């Protein structure tokens, strides 16, 4: 069986970045959606990450996706619990050593003129 791999081209980092930046489709932008839009697979995108320019675009798009999820969770367009789950699982927020639901106590002391 012959493997059909997409070949890397110098315009792929720009195409990836503009896909994420201008995304207006259903749900959130994803690397899987981008791959399908160019006739590639996620494996192809992973292979391209050894190119420094593509890796920079990939990291920036990861941050764009993170912001997109947070913004849509805050305005309640996305379910906030599911958004939290995605952020925790995809971006390592709230890993095993950190309990993101842990209670926190704050004590405030006001210092000033007592007149």
N, C-alpha and C. Protein backbone atom coordinates (compact mmCIF):
# COMPACT_ATOMS: atom_id res chain seq x y z
N UNK A 1 0.84 -1.18 0.00
CA UNK A 1 0.00 0.00 0.00
C UNK A 1 0.88 1.25 0.00
N UNK A 2 0.65 2.13 -0.92
CA UNK A 2 1.44 3.34 -1.04
C UNK A 2 0.92 4.40 -0.07
N UNK A 3 1.84 5.03 0.65
CA UNK A 3 1.46 6.09 1.58
C UNK A 3 1.49 7.42 0.85
N UNK A 4 0.42 8.13 0.93
CA UNK A 4 0.34 9.47 0.33
C UNK A 4 0.52 10.50 1.43
N UNK A 5 1.70 11.07 1.51
CA UNK A 5 1.98 12.10 2.49
C UNK A 5 1.99 13.45 1.78
N UNK A 6 1.40 14.41 2.44
CA UNK A 6 1.44 15.77 1.93
C UNK A 6 2.87 16.27 2.06
N UNK A 7 3.34 16.98 1.06
CA UNK A 7 4.69 17.55 1.12
C UNK A 7 4.64 18.91 1.76
N UNK A 8 5.68 19.21 2.51
CA UNK A 8 5.80 20.51 3.16
C UNK A 8 6.10 21.58 2.12
N UNK A 9 5.42 22.70 2.23
CA UNK A 9 5.70 23.86 1.39
C UNK A 9 5.89 25.07 2.29
N UNK A 10 6.62 26.04 1.81
CA UNK A 10 6.96 27.20 2.64
C UNK A 10 5.76 28.06 3.01
N UNK A 11 4.63 27.89 2.33
CA UNK A 11 3.45 28.70 2.67
C UNK A 11 2.58 28.05 3.76
N UNK A 12 2.90 26.84 4.19
CA UNK A 12 2.07 26.16 5.19
C UNK A 12 2.01 26.89 6.54
N UNK A 13 3.11 27.44 7.06
CA UNK A 13 2.99 28.17 8.33
C UNK A 13 2.00 29.34 8.23
N UNK A 14 2.06 30.08 7.13
CA UNK A 14 1.14 31.21 6.93
C UNK A 14 -0.30 30.71 6.82
N UNK A 15 -0.50 29.64 6.07
CA UNK A 15 -1.85 29.08 5.91
C UNK A 15 -2.42 28.59 7.23
N UNK A 16 -1.58 27.95 8.04
CA UNK A 16 -2.01 27.48 9.36
C UNK A 16 -2.42 28.67 10.23
N UNK A 17 -1.56 29.67 10.28
CA UNK A 17 -1.81 30.85 11.11
C UNK A 17 -3.09 31.57 10.68
N UNK A 18 -3.27 31.78 9.39
CA UNK A 18 -4.46 32.49 8.92
C UNK A 18 -5.73 31.66 9.12
N UNK A 19 -5.63 30.34 9.05
CA UNK A 19 -6.78 29.48 9.34
C UNK A 19 -7.26 29.71 10.77
N UNK A 20 -6.33 29.67 11.73
CA UNK A 20 -6.71 29.84 13.13
C UNK A 20 -7.15 31.27 13.43
N UNK A 21 -6.46 32.23 12.87
CA UNK A 21 -6.77 33.63 13.15
C UNK A 21 -8.14 34.03 12.61
N UNK A 22 -8.52 33.52 11.45
CA UNK A 22 -9.78 33.90 10.84
C UNK A 22 -10.87 32.87 10.97
N UNK A 23 -10.72 31.91 11.87
CA UNK A 23 -11.67 30.81 11.98
C UNK A 23 -13.07 31.33 12.35
N UNK A 24 -14.08 30.90 11.58
CA UNK A 24 -15.45 31.27 11.90
C UNK A 24 -16.42 30.10 11.69
N UNK A 25 -15.89 28.91 11.71
CA UNK A 25 -16.72 27.71 11.53
C UNK A 25 -17.35 27.28 12.84
N UNK A 26 -18.01 26.13 12.82
CA UNK A 26 -18.63 25.61 14.04
C UNK A 26 -17.59 25.14 15.04
N UNK A 27 -17.90 25.29 16.32
CA UNK A 27 -16.97 24.85 17.36
C UNK A 27 -15.73 25.72 17.41
N UNK A 28 -14.64 25.13 17.83
CA UNK A 28 -13.37 25.84 17.99
C UNK A 28 -12.41 25.43 16.87
N UNK A 29 -11.47 26.31 16.54
CA UNK A 29 -10.48 25.92 15.53
C UNK A 29 -9.63 24.78 16.09
N UNK A 30 -9.21 23.89 15.20
CA UNK A 30 -8.38 22.77 15.64
C UNK A 30 -7.38 22.41 14.55
N UNK A 31 -6.35 21.72 14.96
CA UNK A 31 -5.34 21.27 14.00
C UNK A 31 -5.94 20.21 13.08
N UNK A 32 -6.85 19.43 13.60
CA UNK A 32 -7.52 18.42 12.79
C UNK A 32 -8.34 19.07 11.68
N UNK A 33 -9.08 20.12 12.01
CA UNK A 33 -9.88 20.83 11.01
C UNK A 33 -8.98 21.45 9.95
N UNK A 34 -7.86 22.02 10.37
CA UNK A 34 -6.92 22.60 9.41
C UNK A 34 -6.37 21.52 8.50
N UNK A 35 -5.96 20.41 9.08
CA UNK A 35 -5.39 19.31 8.29
C UNK A 35 -6.37 18.86 7.22
N UNK A 36 -7.62 18.65 7.60
CA UNK A 36 -8.63 18.22 6.63
C UNK A 36 -8.84 19.27 5.54
N UNK A 37 -8.75 20.55 5.93
CA UNK A 37 -8.99 21.62 4.95
C UNK A 37 -7.93 21.67 3.85
N UNK A 38 -6.75 21.13 4.14
CA UNK A 38 -5.68 21.12 3.14
C UNK A 38 -5.41 19.72 2.58
N UNK A 39 -6.25 18.77 2.95
CA UNK A 39 -6.07 17.40 2.46
C UNK A 39 -4.94 16.66 3.12
N UNK A 40 -4.68 16.98 4.38
CA UNK A 40 -3.59 16.36 5.13
C UNK A 40 -4.16 15.61 6.33
N UNK A 41 -3.27 15.01 7.09
CA UNK A 41 -3.64 14.33 8.33
C UNK A 41 -2.91 14.99 9.48
N UNK A 42 -3.32 14.65 10.69
CA UNK A 42 -2.60 15.16 11.86
C UNK A 42 -1.17 14.65 11.87
N UNK A 43 -0.96 13.44 11.36
CA UNK A 43 0.41 12.89 11.28
C UNK A 43 1.28 13.76 10.38
N UNK A 44 0.70 14.24 9.28
CA UNK A 44 1.45 15.14 8.40
C UNK A 44 1.85 16.40 9.15
N UNK A 45 0.92 16.99 9.88
CA UNK A 45 1.23 18.21 10.63
C UNK A 45 2.32 17.96 11.66
N UNK A 46 2.25 16.82 12.33
CA UNK A 46 3.29 16.48 13.31
C UNK A 46 4.66 16.37 12.64
N UNK A 47 4.71 15.81 11.45
CA UNK A 47 5.97 15.70 10.72
C UNK A 47 6.54 17.08 10.38
N UNK A 48 5.65 18.02 10.07
CA UNK A 48 6.09 19.36 9.67
C UNK A 48 6.63 20.17 10.84
N UNK A 49 6.37 19.73 12.06
CA UNK A 49 6.80 20.49 13.23
C UNK A 49 8.31 20.51 13.38
N UNK A 50 9.04 19.69 12.62
CA UNK A 50 10.50 19.75 12.68
C UNK A 50 11.04 20.96 11.91
N UNK A 51 10.18 21.62 11.16
CA UNK A 51 10.55 22.87 10.46
C UNK A 51 10.32 24.02 11.43
N UNK A 52 11.33 24.82 11.68
CA UNK A 52 11.23 25.86 12.72
C UNK A 52 10.11 26.86 12.47
N UNK A 53 9.92 27.28 11.24
CA UNK A 53 8.87 28.25 10.93
C UNK A 53 7.48 27.65 11.18
N UNK A 54 7.31 26.40 10.81
CA UNK A 54 6.02 25.73 11.03
C UNK A 54 5.79 25.54 12.53
N UNK A 55 6.82 25.17 13.26
CA UNK A 55 6.71 24.98 14.70
C UNK A 55 6.29 26.29 15.39
N UNK A 56 6.87 27.41 14.97
CA UNK A 56 6.47 28.71 15.54
C UNK A 56 4.99 28.99 15.26
N UNK A 57 4.56 28.75 14.04
CA UNK A 57 3.14 28.96 13.68
C UNK A 57 2.25 28.01 14.48
N UNK A 58 2.69 26.78 14.65
CA UNK A 58 1.92 25.77 15.39
C UNK A 58 1.72 26.22 16.84
N UNK A 59 2.80 26.69 17.47
CA UNK A 59 2.72 27.15 18.86
C UNK A 59 1.81 28.36 18.98
N UNK A 60 1.92 29.30 18.04
CA UNK A 60 1.06 30.48 18.06
C UNK A 60 -0.40 30.09 17.89
N UNK A 61 -0.67 29.14 17.01
CA UNK A 61 -2.04 28.68 16.79
C UNK A 61 -2.59 27.96 18.02
N UNK A 62 -1.73 27.29 18.74
CA UNK A 62 -2.14 26.66 19.98
C UNK A 62 -2.61 27.72 20.98
N UNK A 63 -1.89 28.84 21.03
CA UNK A 63 -2.28 29.94 21.91
C UNK A 63 -3.56 30.62 21.42
N UNK A 64 -3.73 30.75 20.11
CA UNK A 64 -4.96 31.32 19.56
C UNK A 64 -6.14 30.44 19.96
N UNK A 65 -5.98 29.12 19.85
CA UNK A 65 -7.04 28.18 20.23
C UNK A 65 -7.35 28.30 21.72
N UNK A 66 -6.33 28.42 22.54
CA UNK A 66 -6.51 28.56 23.99
C UNK A 66 -7.31 29.82 24.29
N UNK A 67 -6.94 30.95 23.69
CA UNK A 67 -7.67 32.19 23.89
C UNK A 67 -9.11 32.08 23.40
N UNK A 68 -9.30 31.43 22.26
CA UNK A 68 -10.62 31.24 21.69
C UNK A 68 -11.52 30.47 22.67
N UNK A 69 -10.98 29.40 23.24
CA UNK A 69 -11.74 28.61 24.21
C UNK A 69 -12.08 29.42 25.45
N UNK A 70 -11.10 30.13 25.98
CA UNK A 70 -11.32 30.94 27.18
C UNK A 70 -12.36 32.03 26.92
N UNK A 71 -12.19 32.77 25.83
CA UNK A 71 -13.13 33.85 25.51
C UNK A 71 -14.55 33.33 25.36
N UNK A 72 -14.73 32.23 24.66
CA UNK A 72 -16.07 31.69 24.44
C UNK A 72 -16.65 31.05 25.71
N UNK A 73 -15.79 30.57 26.58
CA UNK A 73 -16.26 30.07 27.87
C UNK A 73 -16.72 31.22 28.76
N UNK A 74 -16.01 32.34 28.72
CA UNK A 74 -16.36 33.49 29.55
C UNK A 74 -17.68 34.13 29.14
N UNK A 75 -17.96 34.17 27.85
CA UNK A 75 -19.22 34.79 27.39
C UNK A 75 -20.34 33.75 27.28
N UNK A 76 -20.07 32.56 27.79
CA UNK A 76 -21.04 31.46 27.86
C UNK A 76 -21.52 30.97 26.49
N UNK A 77 -20.72 31.20 25.48
CA UNK A 77 -21.02 30.60 24.17
C UNK A 77 -20.70 29.11 24.22
N UNK A 78 -19.65 28.76 24.98
CA UNK A 78 -19.28 27.37 25.23
C UNK A 78 -19.56 27.06 26.69
N UNK A 79 -19.87 25.81 26.99
CA UNK A 79 -20.07 25.39 28.36
C UNK A 79 -18.77 25.56 29.13
N UNK A 80 -18.83 26.29 30.25
CA UNK A 80 -17.60 26.61 30.98
C UNK A 80 -16.94 25.37 31.57
N UNK A 81 -17.72 24.39 32.00
CA UNK A 81 -17.14 23.16 32.56
C UNK A 81 -16.38 22.38 31.49
N UNK A 82 -16.97 22.31 30.30
CA UNK A 82 -16.30 21.59 29.22
C UNK A 82 -15.07 22.35 28.74
N UNK A 83 -15.16 23.68 28.72
CA UNK A 83 -14.00 24.50 28.35
C UNK A 83 -12.86 24.27 29.33
N UNK A 84 -13.21 24.22 30.61
CA UNK A 84 -12.19 23.96 31.64
C UNK A 84 -11.57 22.59 31.43
N UNK A 85 -12.39 21.60 31.12
CA UNK A 85 -11.89 20.25 30.85
C UNK A 85 -10.91 20.27 29.67
N UNK A 86 -11.28 20.95 28.57
CA UNK A 86 -10.40 21.01 27.40
C UNK A 86 -9.08 21.69 27.74
N UNK A 87 -9.15 22.81 28.43
CA UNK A 87 -7.93 23.53 28.78
C UNK A 87 -7.05 22.69 29.69
N UNK A 88 -7.66 22.00 30.63
CA UNK A 88 -6.90 21.15 31.55
C UNK A 88 -6.23 20.00 30.81
N UNK A 89 -6.96 19.37 29.91
CA UNK A 89 -6.41 18.21 29.23
C UNK A 89 -5.43 18.59 28.11
N UNK A 90 -5.69 19.68 27.40
CA UNK A 90 -4.85 20.04 26.27
C UNK A 90 -3.65 20.89 26.64
N UNK A 91 -3.77 21.71 27.66
CA UNK A 91 -2.72 22.67 27.96
C UNK A 91 -2.07 22.45 29.30
N UNK A 92 -2.40 21.34 29.95
CA UNK A 92 -1.72 21.00 31.20
C UNK A 92 -2.09 21.88 32.37
N UNK A 93 -3.15 22.66 32.24
CA UNK A 93 -3.59 23.50 33.36
C UNK A 93 -4.25 22.58 34.38
N UNK A 94 -3.86 22.69 35.64
CA UNK A 94 -4.47 21.85 36.66
C UNK A 94 -3.98 20.42 36.61
N UNK A 95 -2.68 20.23 36.39
CA UNK A 95 -2.15 18.86 36.35
C UNK A 95 -2.22 18.23 37.73
N UNK A 96 -1.69 17.01 37.87
CA UNK A 96 -1.84 16.22 39.08
C UNK A 96 -1.35 16.93 40.34
N UNK A 97 -0.33 17.76 40.22
CA UNK A 97 0.22 18.43 41.39
C UNK A 97 -0.59 19.65 41.79
N UNK A 98 -1.52 20.09 40.97
CA UNK A 98 -2.28 21.30 41.23
C UNK A 98 -3.76 20.96 41.25
N UNK A 99 -4.44 21.41 42.27
CA UNK A 99 -5.88 21.21 42.35
C UNK A 99 -6.55 22.52 41.99
N UNK A 100 -7.11 22.62 40.78
CA UNK A 100 -7.66 23.89 40.31
C UNK A 100 -8.96 24.25 41.02
N UNK A 101 -9.61 23.30 41.68
CA UNK A 101 -10.85 23.58 42.38
C UNK A 101 -10.62 23.80 43.88
N UNK A 102 -9.40 23.84 44.30
CA UNK A 102 -9.08 23.99 45.71
C UNK A 102 -9.53 25.35 46.22
N UNK A 103 -10.08 25.36 47.45
CA UNK A 103 -10.52 26.61 48.05
C UNK A 103 -9.32 27.45 48.42
N UNK A 104 -9.51 28.75 48.37
CA UNK A 104 -8.46 29.67 48.77
C UNK A 104 -9.05 30.67 49.75
N UNK A 105 -8.31 30.98 50.80
CA UNK A 105 -8.75 31.97 51.77
C UNK A 105 -7.85 33.18 51.66
N UNK A 106 -8.47 34.35 51.69
CA UNK A 106 -7.72 35.60 51.63
C UNK A 106 -8.11 36.44 52.83
N UNK A 107 -7.13 36.96 53.55
CA UNK A 107 -7.38 37.85 54.67
C UNK A 107 -6.85 39.22 54.29
N UNK A 108 -7.67 40.23 54.51
CA UNK A 108 -7.32 41.59 54.14
C UNK A 108 -7.30 42.45 55.38
N UNK A 109 -6.24 43.20 55.59
CA UNK A 109 -6.15 44.11 56.70
C UNK A 109 -5.99 45.51 56.16
N UNK A 110 -6.90 46.41 56.57
CA UNK A 110 -6.86 47.79 56.09
C UNK A 110 -6.08 48.61 57.11
N UNK A 111 -5.07 49.30 56.60
CA UNK A 111 -4.23 50.12 57.46
C UNK A 111 -4.40 51.57 57.03
N UNK A 112 -4.64 52.44 57.97
CA UNK A 112 -4.81 53.84 57.60
C UNK A 112 -5.19 54.66 58.82
N UNK A 113 -5.58 55.92 58.57
CA UNK A 113 -6.00 56.84 59.64
C UNK A 113 -7.28 56.36 60.27
N UNK A 114 -7.30 56.35 61.57
CA UNK A 114 -8.52 56.01 62.28
C UNK A 114 -9.05 57.29 62.90
N UNK A 115 -9.90 57.98 62.16
CA UNK A 115 -10.44 59.24 62.66
C UNK A 115 -11.88 59.12 63.04
